[in-house]
Amino acid sequence: MFNHASEQRWCLDCHNQDDRDRLRLANGDPVAFEESYNLCGQCHGTIFRDWKAGIHGKRTGEWNGRKQYRLCVHCHNPHSPRFKPIKPLPPPDNPMEIQYRKLSTEEIPRNPLGDTE
């Protein structure tokens, strides 16, 4: 079963035709299965960046020493990803377009310590 951008992808976009023990990058360079994150990162750049920083996925090890990363395929099936794309939310309001008003004396929060400025 293949359901991973099937309209835009096919098997040999990722698998090496001449060496089934290796994957292939978009430029044709072979890549080992243990370094498949480089292949995934070609299309999933922001997630790849987060994964390298330890934000996305599982990373164990010392904060300032040796680290061990889990590969994308440890959580995601590359042939049929379980997590479907999420429609992005609209962008936040532009601060330059927000209308501000002056607060009345009653609306100004009081200093809880009673200090005067």
PDB file of N, CA and C in Angstrom:
ATOM      1  N   MET A   1       0.847  -1.177   0.000  1.00  0.00           N
ATOM      2  CA  MET A   1       0.000   0.000   0.000  1.00  0.00           C
ATOM      3  C   MET A   1       0.891   1.238   0.000  1.00  0.00           C
ATOM      4  N   PHE A   2       0.570   2.186  -0.854  1.00  0.00           N
ATOM      5  CA  PHE A   2       1.326   3.430  -0.908  1.00  0.00           C
ATOM      6  C   PHE A   2       0.359   4.599  -0.919  1.00  0.00           C
ATOM      7  N   ASN A   3       0.399   5.397   0.128  1.00  0.00           N
ATOM      8  CA  ASN A   3      -0.491   6.540   0.248  1.00  0.00           C
ATOM      9  C   ASN A   3       0.272   7.711   0.868  1.00  0.00           C
ATOM     10  N   HIS A   4       1.382   8.065   0.254  1.00  0.00           N
ATOM     11  CA  HIS A   4       2.223   9.154   0.748  1.00  0.00           C
ATOM     12  C   HIS A   4       2.481  10.095  -0.425  1.00  0.00           C
ATOM     13  N   ALA A   5       1.590  11.061  -0.599  1.00  0.00           N
ATOM     14  CA  ALA A   5       1.652  11.989  -1.741  1.00  0.00           C
ATOM     15  C   ALA A   5       1.698  11.192  -3.042  1.00  0.00           C
ATOM     16  N   SER A   6       0.813  10.206  -3.135  1.00  0.00           N
ATOM     17  CA  SER A   6       0.855   9.263  -4.266  1.00  0.00           C
ATOM     18  C   SER A   6       0.639   9.930  -5.620  1.00  0.00           C
ATOM     19  N   GLU A   7       0.062  11.112  -5.650  1.00  0.00           N
ATOM     20  CA  GLU A   7      -0.104  11.817  -6.917  1.00  0.00           C
ATOM     21  C   GLU A   7       1.218  12.439  -7.384  1.00  0.00           C
ATOM     22  N   GLN A   8       2.130  12.695  -6.433  1.00  0.00           N
ATOM     23  CA  GLN A   8       3.398  13.331  -6.769  1.00  0.00           C
ATOM     24  C   GLN A   8       4.604  12.403  -6.641  1.00  0.00           C
ATOM     25  N   ARG A   9       4.467  11.261  -6.016  1.00  0.00           N
ATOM     26  CA  ARG A   9       5.598  10.379  -5.709  1.00  0.00           C
ATOM     27  C   ARG A   9       5.389   8.981  -6.272  1.00  0.00           C
ATOM     28  N   TRP A  10       6.486   8.308  -6.455  1.00  0.00           N
ATOM     29  CA  TRP A  10       6.442   6.885  -6.768  1.00  0.00           C
ATOM     30  C   TRP A  10       7.647   6.222  -6.127  1.00  0.00           C
ATOM     31  N   CYS A  11       7.723   4.936  -6.136  1.00  0.00           N
ATOM     32  CA  CYS A  11       8.697   4.150  -5.369  1.00  0.00           C
ATOM     33  C   CYS A  11      10.137   4.625  -5.539  1.00  0.00           C
ATOM     34  N   LEU A  12      10.541   4.866  -6.786  1.00  0.00           N
ATOM     35  CA  LEU A  12      11.944   5.178  -7.041  1.00  0.00           C
ATOM     36  C   LEU A  12      12.301   6.637  -6.752  1.00  0.00           C
ATOM     37  N   ASP A  13      11.365   7.414  -6.230  1.00  0.00           N
ATOM     38  CA  ASP A  13      11.727   8.732  -5.716  1.00  0.00           C
ATOM     39  C   ASP A  13      12.528   8.585  -4.425  1.00  0.00           C
ATOM     40  N   CYS A  14      12.306   7.503  -3.706  1.00  0.00           N
ATOM     41  CA  CYS A  14      12.986   7.279  -2.426  1.00  0.00           C
ATOM     42  C   CYS A  14      13.872   6.035  -2.427  1.00  0.00           C
ATOM     43  N   HIS A  15      13.456   5.009  -3.148  1.00  0.00           N
ATOM     44  CA  HIS A  15      14.206   3.755  -3.161  1.00  0.00           C
ATOM     45  C   HIS A  15      15.204   3.741  -4.313  1.00  0.00           C
ATOM     46  N   ASN A  16      16.381   3.203  -4.036  1.00  0.00           N
ATOM     47  CA  ASN A  16      17.455   3.121  -5.017  1.00  0.00           C
ATOM     48  C   ASN A  16      17.214   1.916  -5.926  1.00  0.00           C
ATOM     49  N   GLN A  17      17.023   2.156  -7.202  1.00  0.00           N
ATOM     50  CA  GLN A  17      16.709   1.089  -8.155  1.00  0.00           C
ATOM     51  C   GLN A  17      17.841   0.083  -8.286  1.00  0.00           C
ATOM     52  N   ASP A  18      19.077   0.541  -8.184  1.00  0.00           N
ATOM     53  CA  ASP A  18      20.232  -0.332  -8.405  1.00  0.00           C
ATOM     54  C   ASP A  18      20.743  -1.012  -7.139  1.00  0.00           C
ATOM     55  N   ASP A  19      20.337  -0.547  -5.990  1.00  0.00           N
ATOM     56  CA  ASP A  19      20.803  -1.118  -4.727  1.00  0.00           C
ATOM     57  C   ASP A  19      19.669  -1.042  -3.717  1.00  0.00           C
ATOM     58  N   ARG A  20      18.922  -2.123  -3.567  1.00  0.00           N
ATOM     59  CA  ARG A  20      17.738  -2.135  -2.710  1.00  0.00           C
ATOM     60  C   ARG A  20      18.082  -2.048  -1.222  1.00  0.00           C
ATOM     61  N   ASP A  21      19.370  -2.084  -0.875  1.00  0.00           N
ATOM     62  CA  ASP A  21      19.787  -1.937   0.513  1.00  0.00           C
ATOM     63  C   ASP A  21      20.047  -0.480   0.875  1.00  0.00           C
ATOM     64  N   ARG A  22      19.765   0.424  -0.071  1.00  0.00           N
ATOM     65  CA  ARG A  22      19.970   1.848   0.160  1.00  0.00           C
ATOM     66  C   ARG A  22      18.796   2.632  -0.413  1.00  0.00           C
ATOM     67  N   LEU A  23      18.607   3.815   0.125  1.00  0.00           N
ATOM     68  CA  LEU A  23      17.611   4.743  -0.398  1.00  0.00           C
ATOM     69  C   LEU A  23      18.331   5.716  -1.328  1.00  0.00           C
ATOM     70  N   ARG A  24      17.586   6.639  -1.948  1.00  0.00           N
ATOM     71  CA  ARG A  24      18.234   7.635  -2.800  1.00  0.00           C
ATOM     72  C   ARG A  24      17.628   9.003  -2.550  1.00  0.00           C
ATOM     73  N   LEU A  25      18.508  10.007  -2.528  1.00  0.00           N
ATOM     74  CA  LEU A  25      18.076  11.384  -2.366  1.00  0.00           C
ATOM     75  C   LEU A  25      17.577  11.917  -3.699  1.00  0.00           C
ATOM     76  N   ALA A  26      16.971  13.087  -3.700  1.00  0.00           N
ATOM     77  CA  ALA A  26      16.429  13.678  -4.923  1.00  0.00           C
ATOM     78  C   ALA A  26      17.523  13.915  -5.963  1.00  0.00           C
ATOM     79  N   ASN A  27      18.743  14.174  -5.532  1.00  0.00           N
ATOM     80  CA  ASN A  27      19.835  14.399  -6.481  1.00  0.00           C
ATOM     81  C   ASN A  27      20.463  13.101  -6.968  1.00  0.00           C
ATOM     82  N   GLY A  28      19.935  11.944  -6.501  1.00  0.00           N
ATOM     83  CA  GLY A  28      20.427  10.644  -6.930  1.00  0.00           C
ATOM     84  C   GLY A  28      21.445  10.019  -6.003  1.00  0.00           C
ATOM     85  N   ASP A  29      21.951  10.769  -5.031  1.00  0.00           N
ATOM     86  CA  ASP A  29      22.932  10.220  -4.098  1.00  0.00           C
ATOM     87  C   ASP A  29      22.298   9.128  -3.247  1.00  0.00           C
ATOM     88  N   PRO A  30      23.021   8.004  -3.075  1.00  0.00           N
ATOM     89  CA  PRO A  30      22.494   6.943  -2.207  1.00  0.00           C
ATOM     90  C   PRO A  30      22.588   7.351  -0.743  1.00  0.00           C
ATOM     91  N   VAL A  31      21.675   6.837   0.053  1.00  0.00           N
ATOM     92  CA  VAL A  31      21.669   7.103   1.495  1.00  0.00           C
ATOM     93  C   VAL A  31      21.271   5.816   2.215  1.00  0.00           C
ATOM     94  N   ALA A  32      21.949   5.546   3.320  1.00  0.00           N
ATOM     95  CA  ALA A  32      21.665   4.338   4.104  1.00  0.00           C
ATOM     96  C   ALA A  32      20.329   4.479   4.827  1.00  0.00           C
ATOM     97  N   PHE A  33      19.691   3.356   5.087  1.00  0.00           N
ATOM     98  CA  PHE A  33      18.426   3.380   5.820  1.00  0.00           C
ATOM     99  C   PHE A  33      18.611   4.013   7.201  1.00  0.00           C
ATOM    100  N   GLU A  34      19.792   3.849   7.798  1.00  0.00           N
ATOM    101  CA  GLU A  34      20.065   4.441   9.114  1.00  0.00           C
ATOM    102  C   GLU A  34      20.158   5.968   9.048  1.00  0.00           C
ATOM    103  N   GLU A  35      20.253   6.511   7.852  1.00  0.00           N
ATOM    104  CA  GLU A  35      20.302   7.965   7.668  1.00  0.00           C
ATOM    105  C   GLU A  35      19.098   8.440   6.856  1.00  0.00           C
ATOM    106  N   SER A  36      17.992   7.707   6.971  1.00  0.00           N
ATOM    107  CA  SER A  36      16.781   8.031   6.203  1.00  0.00           C
ATOM    108  C   SER A  36      16.218   9.398   6.543  1.00  0.00           C
ATOM    109  N   TYR A  37      16.589   9.949   7.700  1.00  0.00           N
ATOM    110  CA  TYR A  37      16.136  11.292   8.060  1.00  0.00           C
ATOM    111  C   TYR A  37      16.560  12.320   7.011  1.00  0.00           C
ATOM    112  N   ASN A  38      17.688  12.088   6.343  1.00  0.00           N
ATOM    113  CA  ASN A  38      18.112  12.999   5.274  1.00  0.00           C
ATOM    114  C   ASN A  38      17.153  12.949   4.095  1.00  0.00           C
ATOM    115  N   LEU A  39      16.622  11.782   3.815  1.00  0.00           N
ATOM    116  CA  LEU A  39      15.638  11.628   2.748  1.00  0.00           C
ATOM    117  C   LEU A  39      14.327  12.307   3.148  1.00  0.00           C
ATOM    118  N   CYS A  40      13.841  12.040   4.341  1.00  0.00           N
ATOM    119  CA  CYS A  40      12.588  12.647   4.814  1.00  0.00           C
ATOM    120  C   CYS A  40      12.712  14.168   4.870  1.00  0.00           C
ATOM    121  N   GLY A  41      13.877  14.640   5.288  1.00  0.00           N
ATOM    122  CA  GLY A  41      14.104  16.067   5.446  1.00  0.00           C
ATOM    123  C   GLY A  41      14.052  16.855   4.153  1.00  0.00           C
ATOM    124  N   GLN A  42      14.193  16.182   3.016  1.00  0.00           N
ATOM    125  CA  GLN A  42      14.117  16.885   1.734  1.00  0.00           C
ATOM    126  C   GLN A  42      12.740  17.507   1.507  1.00  0.00           C
ATOM    127  N   CYS A  43      11.691  16.841   1.946  1.00  0.00           N
ATOM    128  CA  CYS A  43      10.326  17.342   1.769  1.00  0.00           C
ATOM    129  C   CYS A  43       9.757  17.920   3.063  1.00  0.00           C
ATOM    130  N   HIS A  44      10.214  17.417   4.176  1.00  0.00           N
ATOM    131  CA  HIS A  44       9.676  17.817   5.477  1.00  0.00           C
ATOM    132  C   HIS A  44      10.726  18.635   6.224  1.00  0.00           C
ATOM    133  N   GLY A  45      11.144  19.734   5.624  1.00  0.00           N
ATOM    134  CA  GLY A  45      12.256  20.537   6.135  1.00  0.00           C
ATOM    135  C   GLY A  45      12.055  21.117   7.518  1.00  0.00           C
ATOM    136  N   THR A  46      10.898  21.693   7.788  1.00  0.00           N
ATOM    137  CA  THR A  46      10.693  22.307   9.101  1.00  0.00           C
ATOM    138  C   THR A  46      10.623  21.243  10.202  1.00  0.00           C
ATOM    139  N   ILE A  47      10.046  20.107   9.880  1.00  0.00           N
ATOM    140  CA  ILE A  47       9.991  19.013  10.858  1.00  0.00           C
ATOM    141  C   ILE A  47      11.388  18.440  11.070  1.00  0.00           C
ATOM    142  N   PHE A  48      12.154  18.338   9.988  1.00  0.00           N
ATOM    143  CA  PHE A  48      13.537  17.860  10.070  1.00  0.00           C
ATOM    144  C   PHE A  48      14.356  18.788  10.961  1.00  0.00           C
ATOM    145  N   ARG A  49      14.178  20.098  10.796  1.00  0.00           N
ATOM    146  CA  ARG A  49      14.870  21.086  11.633  1.00  0.00           C
ATOM    147  C   ARG A  49      14.498  20.881  13.100  1.00  0.00           C
ATOM    148  N   ASP A  50      13.205  20.714  13.369  1.00  0.00           N
ATOM    149  CA  ASP A  50      12.745  20.501  14.744  1.00  0.00           C
ATOM    150  C   ASP A  50      13.274  19.189  15.303  1.00  0.00           C
ATOM    151  N   TRP A  51      13.321  18.167  14.473  1.00  0.00           N
ATOM    152  CA  TRP A  51      13.833  16.858  14.909  1.00  0.00           C
ATOM    153  C   TRP A  51      15.304  16.979  15.307  1.00  0.00           C
ATOM    154  N   LYS A  52      16.093  17.684  14.511  1.00  0.00           N
ATOM    155  CA  LYS A  52      17.511  17.854  14.829  1.00  0.00           C
ATOM    156  C   LYS A  52      17.699  18.625  16.128  1.00  0.00           C
ATOM    157  N   ALA A  53      16.771  19.549  16.424  1.00  0.00           N
ATOM    158  CA  ALA A  53      16.864  20.337  17.657  1.00  0.00           C
ATOM    159  C   ALA A  53      16.296  19.587  18.861  1.00  0.00           C
ATOM    160  N   GLY A  54      15.690  18.431  18.626  1.00  0.00           N
ATOM    161  CA  GLY A  54      15.129  17.648  19.725  1.00  0.00           C
ATOM    162  C   GLY A  54      13.705  18.033  20.083  1.00  0.00           C
ATOM    163  N   ILE A  55      13.052  18.807  19.221  1.00  0.00           N
ATOM    164  CA  ILE A  55      11.686  19.249  19.498  1.00  0.00           C
ATOM    165  C   ILE A  55      10.672  18.243  18.972  1.00  0.00           C
ATOM    166  N   HIS A  56      10.940  17.638  17.829  1.00  0.00           N
ATOM    167  CA  HIS A  56      10.011  16.690  17.199  1.00  0.00           C
ATOM    168  C   HIS A  56      10.641  15.305  17.256  1.00  0.00           C
ATOM    169  N   GLY A  57       9.944  14.375  17.835  1.00  0.00           N
ATOM    170  CA  GLY A  57      10.446  13.009  17.871  1.00  0.00           C
ATOM    171  C   GLY A  57      11.171  12.695  19.157  1.00  0.00           C
ATOM    172  N   LYS A  58      11.711  11.514  19.215  1.00  0.00           N
ATOM    173  CA  LYS A  58      12.350  11.000  20.428  1.00  0.00           C
ATOM    174  C   LYS A  58      13.860  11.162  20.353  1.00  0.00           C
ATOM    175  N   ARG A  59      14.403  11.818  21.344  1.00  0.00           N
ATOM    176  CA  ARG A  59      15.846  11.957  21.463  1.00  0.00           C
ATOM    177  C   ARG A  59      16.216  11.629  22.893  1.00  0.00           C
ATOM    178  N   THR A  60      17.231  10.830  23.076  1.00  0.00           N
ATOM    179  CA  THR A  60      17.718  10.516  24.409  1.00  0.00           C
ATOM    180  C   THR A  60      19.206  10.808  24.452  1.00  0.00           C
ATOM    181  N   GLY A  61      19.724  10.938  25.639  1.00  0.00           N
ATOM    182  CA  GLY A  61      21.150  11.181  25.794  1.00  0.00           C
ATOM    183  C   GLY A  61      21.422  12.324  26.733  1.00  0.00           C
ATOM    184  N   GLU A  62      22.656  12.786  26.696  1.00  0.00           N
ATOM    185  CA  GLU A  62      23.092  13.859  27.575  1.00  0.00           C
ATOM    186  C   GLU A  62      22.883  15.198  26.894  1.00  0.00           C
ATOM    187  N   TRP A  63      22.550  16.216  27.660  1.00  0.00           N
ATOM    188  CA  TRP A  63      22.277  17.524  27.062  1.00  0.00           C
ATOM    189  C   TRP A  63      23.518  18.093  26.393  1.00  0.00           C
ATOM    190  N   ASN A  64      24.696  17.783  26.914  1.00  0.00           N
ATOM    191  CA  ASN A  64      25.924  18.311  26.335  1.00  0.00           C
ATOM    192  C   ASN A  64      26.860  17.203  25.855  1.00  0.00           C
ATOM    193  N   GLY A  65      26.307  16.039  25.616  1.00  0.00           N
ATOM    194  CA  GLY A  65      27.140  14.913  25.198  1.00  0.00           C
ATOM    195  C   GLY A  65      26.495  14.129  24.077  1.00  0.00           C
ATOM    196  N   ARG A  66      26.747  12.855  24.093  1.00  0.00           N
ATOM    197  CA  ARG A  66      26.249  11.969  23.054  1.00  0.00           C
ATOM    198  C   ARG A  66      24.724  11.890  23.102  1.00  0.00           C
ATOM    199  N   LYS A  67      24.103  11.926  21.927  1.00  0.00           N
ATOM    200  CA  LYS A  67      22.648  11.853  21.819  1.00  0.00           C
ATOM    201  C   LYS A  67      22.269  10.702  20.904  1.00  0.00           C
ATOM    202  N   GLN A  68      21.102  10.150  21.135  1.00  0.00           N
ATOM    203  CA  GLN A  68      20.582   9.099  20.269  1.00  0.00           C
ATOM    204  C   GLN A  68      19.213   9.549  19.773  1.00  0.00           C
ATOM    205  N   TYR A  69      19.060   9.535  18.471  1.00  0.00           N
ATOM    206  CA  TYR A  69      17.810   9.952  17.851  1.00  0.00           C
ATOM    207  C   TYR A  69      17.078   8.727  17.310  1.00  0.00           C
ATOM    208  N   ARG A  70      15.765   8.758  17.389  1.00  0.00           N
ATOM    209  CA  ARG A  70      14.958   7.737  16.716  1.00  0.00           C
ATOM    210  C   ARG A  70      14.694   8.249  15.308  1.00  0.00           C
ATOM    211  N   LEU A  71      14.657   7.343  14.368  1.00  0.00           N
ATOM    212  CA  LEU A  71      14.402   7.717  12.978  1.00  0.00           C
ATOM    213  C   LEU A  71      12.928   8.033  12.771  1.00  0.00           C
ATOM    214  N   CYS A  72      12.637   8.754  11.709  1.00  0.00           N
ATOM    215  CA  CYS A  72      11.258   9.114  11.363  1.00  0.00           C
ATOM    216  C   CYS A  72      10.378   7.859  11.280  1.00  0.00           C
ATOM    217  N   VAL A  73      10.924   6.805  10.688  1.00  0.00           N
ATOM    218  CA  VAL A  73      10.141   5.587  10.461  1.00  0.00           C
ATOM    219  C   VAL A  73       9.852   4.816  11.748  1.00  0.00           C
ATOM    220  N   HIS A  74      10.461   5.197  12.856  1.00  0.00           N
ATOM    221  CA  HIS A  74      10.112   4.559  14.130  1.00  0.00           C
ATOM    222  C   HIS A  74       8.710   4.955  14.573  1.00  0.00           C
ATOM    223  N   CYS A  75       8.243   6.138  14.110  1.00  0.00           N
ATOM    224  CA  CYS A  75       6.909   6.608  14.480  1.00  0.00           C
ATOM    225  C   CYS A  75       5.974   6.757  13.277  1.00  0.00           C
ATOM    226  N   HIS A  76       6.535   6.963  12.096  1.00  0.00           N
ATOM    227  CA  HIS A  76       5.742   7.226  10.898  1.00  0.00           C
ATOM    228  C   HIS A  76       5.976   6.141   9.854  1.00  0.00           C
ATOM    229  N   ASN A  77       4.889   5.616   9.288  1.00  0.00           N
ATOM    230  CA  ASN A  77       4.990   4.662   8.187  1.00  0.00           C
ATOM    231  C   ASN A  77       5.241   5.468   6.917  1.00  0.00           C
ATOM    232  N   PRO A  78       6.406   5.325   6.281  1.00  0.00           N
ATOM    233  CA  PRO A  78       6.712   6.157   5.118  1.00  0.00           C
ATOM    234  C   PRO A  78       5.818   5.873   3.911  1.00  0.00           C
ATOM    235  N   HIS A  79       5.196   4.706   3.873  1.00  0.00           N
ATOM    236  CA  HIS A  79       4.340   4.361   2.736  1.00  0.00           C
ATOM    237  C   HIS A  79       2.888   4.794   2.935  1.00  0.00           C
ATOM    238  N   SER A  80       2.488   4.977   4.169  1.00  0.00           N
ATOM    239  CA  SER A  80       1.124   5.404   4.470  1.00  0.00           C
ATOM    240  C   SER A  80       1.137   6.122   5.823  1.00  0.00           C
ATOM    241  N   PRO A  81       1.525   7.385   5.832  1.00  0.00           N
ATOM    242  CA  PRO A  81       1.631   8.105   7.102  1.00  0.00           C
ATOM    243  C   PRO A  81       0.313   8.119   7.872  1.00  0.00           C
ATOM    244  N   ARG A  82       0.412   7.876   9.153  1.00  0.00           N
ATOM    245  CA  ARG A  82      -0.764   7.848  10.013  1.00  0.00           C
ATOM    246  C   ARG A  82      -1.289   9.241  10.284  1.00  0.00           C
ATOM    247  N   PHE A  83      -0.388  10.211  10.350  1.00  0.00           N
ATOM    248  CA  PHE A  83      -0.782  11.575  10.666  1.00  0.00           C
ATOM    249  C   PHE A  83      -1.095  12.310   9.376  1.00  0.00           C
ATOM    250  N   LYS A  84      -2.336  12.705   9.220  1.00  0.00           N
ATOM    251  CA  LYS A  84      -2.772  13.395   8.012  1.00  0.00           C
ATOM    252  C   LYS A  84      -2.405  14.869   8.097  1.00  0.00           C
ATOM    253  N   PRO A  85      -2.232  15.527   6.958  1.00  0.00           N
ATOM    254  CA  PRO A  85      -1.912  16.960   6.987  1.00  0.00           C
ATOM    255  C   PRO A  85      -2.986  17.752   7.722  1.00  0.00           C
ATOM    256  N   ILE A  86      -2.552  18.790   8.397  1.00  0.00           N
ATOM    257  CA  ILE A  86      -3.453  19.651   9.153  1.00  0.00           C
ATOM    258  C   ILE A  86      -3.571  20.978   8.416  1.00  0.00           C
ATOM    259  N   LYS A  87      -4.812  21.445   8.248  1.00  0.00           N
ATOM    260  CA  LYS A  87      -5.022  22.733   7.604  1.00  0.00           C
ATOM    261  C   LYS A  87      -4.488  23.826   8.529  1.00  0.00           C
ATOM    262  N   PRO A  88      -3.613  24.698   8.036  1.00  0.00           N
ATOM    263  CA  PRO A  88      -3.050  25.727   8.910  1.00  0.00           C
ATOM    264  C   PRO A  88      -4.101  26.734   9.361  1.00  0.00           C
ATOM    265  N   LEU A  89      -3.908  27.263  10.543  1.00  0.00           N
ATOM    266  CA  LEU A  89      -4.784  28.307  11.071  1.00  0.00           C
ATOM    267  C   LEU A  89      -4.458  29.626  10.379  1.00  0.00           C
ATOM    268  N   PRO A  90      -5.370  30.574  10.398  1.00  0.00           N
ATOM    269  CA  PRO A  90      -5.057  31.870   9.792  1.00  0.00           C
ATOM    270  C   PRO A  90      -3.936  32.561  10.568  1.00  0.00           C
ATOM    271  N   PRO A  91      -3.208  33.463   9.930  1.00  0.00           N
ATOM    272  CA  PRO A  91      -2.116  34.148  10.630  1.00  0.00           C
ATOM    273  C   PRO A  91      -2.666  35.064  11.715  1.00  0.00           C
ATOM    274  N   PRO A  92      -1.825  35.429  12.680  1.00  0.00           N
ATOM    275  CA  PRO A  92      -2.282  36.351  13.726  1.00  0.00           C
ATOM    276  C   PRO A  92      -2.512  37.742  13.152  1.00  0.00           C
ATOM    277  N   ASP A  93      -3.236  38.562  13.897  1.00  0.00           N
ATOM    278  CA  ASP A  93      -3.469  39.938  13.476  1.00  0.00           C
ATOM    279  C   ASP A  93      -2.147  40.686  13.401  1.00  0.00           C
ATOM    280  N   ASN A  94      -2.055  41.564  12.434  1.00  0.00           N
ATOM    281  CA  ASN A  94      -0.882  42.411  12.304  1.00  0.00           C
ATOM    282  C   ASN A  94      -0.937  43.460  13.408  1.00  0.00           C
ATOM    283  N   PRO A  95       0.099  43.548  14.255  1.00  0.00           N
ATOM    284  CA  PRO A  95       0.063  44.519  15.356  1.00  0.00           C
ATOM    285  C   PRO A  95      -0.136  45.958  14.869  1.00  0.00           C
ATOM    286  N   MET A  96       0.286  46.239  13.652  1.00  0.00           N
ATOM    287  CA  MET A  96       0.142  47.595  13.129  1.00  0.00           C
ATOM    288  C   MET A  96      -1.322  47.924  12.823  1.00  0.00           C
ATOM    289  N   GLU A  97      -2.168  46.905  12.712  1.00  0.00           N
ATOM    290  CA  GLU A  97      -3.570  47.120  12.376  1.00  0.00           C
ATOM    291  C   GLU A  97      -4.490  47.078  13.603  1.00  0.00           C
ATOM    292  N   ILE A  98      -3.933  46.823  14.774  1.00  0.00           N
ATOM    293  CA  ILE A  98      -4.736  46.751  15.988  1.00  0.00           C
ATOM    294  C   ILE A  98      -5.025  48.168  16.473  1.00  0.00           C
ATOM    295  N   GLN A  99      -6.279  48.427  16.784  1.00  0.00           N
ATOM    296  CA  GLN A  99      -6.692  49.738  17.273  1.00  0.00           C
ATOM    297  C   GLN A  99      -6.582  49.751  18.794  1.00  0.00           C
ATOM    298  N   TYR A 100      -5.819  50.674  19.322  1.00  0.00           N
ATOM    299  CA  TYR A 100      -5.652  50.797  20.759  1.00  0.00           C
ATOM    300  C   TYR A 100      -6.471  51.987  21.261  1.00  0.00           C
ATOM    301  N   ARG A 101      -6.879  51.908  22.513  1.00  0.00           N
ATOM    302  CA  ARG A 101      -7.588  53.036  23.110  1.00  0.00           C
ATOM    303  C   ARG A 101      -6.946  53.338  24.448  1.00  0.00           C
ATOM    304  N   LYS A 102      -7.104  54.548  24.867  1.00  0.00           N
ATOM    305  CA  LYS A 102      -6.556  54.962  26.148  1.00  0.00           C
ATOM    306  C   LYS A 102      -7.451  54.437  27.273  1.00  0.00           C
ATOM    307  N   LEU A 103      -6.828  53.864  28.322  1.00  0.00           N
ATOM    308  CA  LEU A 103      -7.575  53.341  29.460  1.00  0.00           C
ATOM    309  C   LEU A 103      -7.996  54.475  30.382  1.00  0.00           C
ATOM    310  N   SER A 104      -9.165  54.300  30.975  1.00  0.00           N
ATOM    311  CA  SER A 104      -9.606  55.262  31.987  1.00  0.00           C
ATOM    312  C   SER A 104      -8.875  54.961  33.292  1.00  0.00           C
ATOM    313  N   THR A 105      -8.924  55.863  34.236  1.00  0.00           N
ATOM    314  CA  THR A 105      -8.252  55.685  35.522  1.00  0.00           C
ATOM    315  C   THR A 105      -8.745  54.428  36.230  1.00  0.00           C
ATOM    316  N   GLU A 106     -10.042  54.129  36.112  1.00  0.00           N
ATOM    317  CA  GLU A 106     -10.609  52.949  36.775  1.00  0.00           C
ATOM    318  C   GLU A 106     -10.107  51.644  36.151  1.00  0.00           C
ATOM    319  N   GLU A 107      -9.713  51.661  34.898  1.00  0.00           N
ATOM    320  CA  GLU A 107      -9.272  50.452  34.212  1.00  0.00           C
ATOM    321  C   GLU A 107      -7.799  50.138  34.431  1.00  0.00           C
ATOM    322  N   ILE A 108      -7.053  51.093  34.950  1.00  0.00           N
ATOM    323  CA  ILE A 108      -5.619  50.877  35.157  1.00  0.00           C
ATOM    324  C   ILE A 108      -5.434  49.997  36.380  1.00  0.00           C
ATOM    325  N   PRO A 109      -4.714  48.866  36.224  1.00  0.00           N
ATOM    326  CA  PRO A 109      -4.511  47.965  37.369  1.00  0.00           C
ATOM    327  C   PRO A 109      -3.736  48.673  38.484  1.00  0.00           C
ATOM    328  N   ARG A 110      -4.109  48.365  39.711  1.00  0.00           N
ATOM    329  CA  ARG A 110      -3.420  48.940  40.863  1.00  0.00           C
ATOM    330  C   ARG A 110      -2.205  48.099  41.168  1.00  0.00           C
ATOM    331  N   ASN A 111      -1.206  48.711  41.711  1.00  0.00           N
ATOM    332  CA  ASN A 111       0.005  48.020  42.131  1.00  0.00           C
ATOM    333  C   ASN A 111      -0.300  47.245  43.409  1.00  0.00           C
ATOM    334  N   PRO A 112      -0.216  45.913  43.409  1.00  0.00           N
ATOM    335  CA  PRO A 112      -0.579  45.133  44.601  1.00  0.00           C
ATOM    336  C   PRO A 112       0.340  45.383  45.782  1.00  0.00           C
ATOM    337  N   LEU A 113       1.551  45.903  45.555  1.00  0.00           N
ATOM    338  CA  LEU A 113       2.476  46.158  46.673  1.00  0.00           C
ATOM    339  C   LEU A 113       2.254  47.527  47.283  1.00  0.00           C
ATOM    340  N   GLY A 114       1.446  48.355  46.618  1.00  0.00           N
ATOM    341  CA  GLY A 114       1.165  49.674  47.158  1.00  0.00           C
ATOM    342  C   GLY A 114       2.284  50.681  46.897  1.00  0.00           C
ATOM    343  N   ASP A 115       3.289  50.287  46.124  1.00  0.00           N
ATOM    344  CA  ASP A 115       4.378  51.200  45.815  1.00  0.00           C
ATOM    345  C   ASP A 115       3.894  52.309  44.896  1.00  0.00           C
ATOM    346  N   THR A 116       4.498  53.445  44.992  1.00  0.00           N
ATOM    347  CA  THR A 116       4.195  54.521  44.067  1.00  0.00           C
ATOM    348  C   THR A 116       5.349  54.653  43.089  1.00  0.00           C
ATOM    349  N   GLU A 117       5.019  55.104  41.936  1.00  0.00           N
ATOM    350  CA  GLU A 117       6.062  55.222  40.926  1.00  0.00           C
ATOM    351  C   GLU A 117       6.593  56.621  40.859  1.00  0.00           C
TER     352      GLU A 117
END
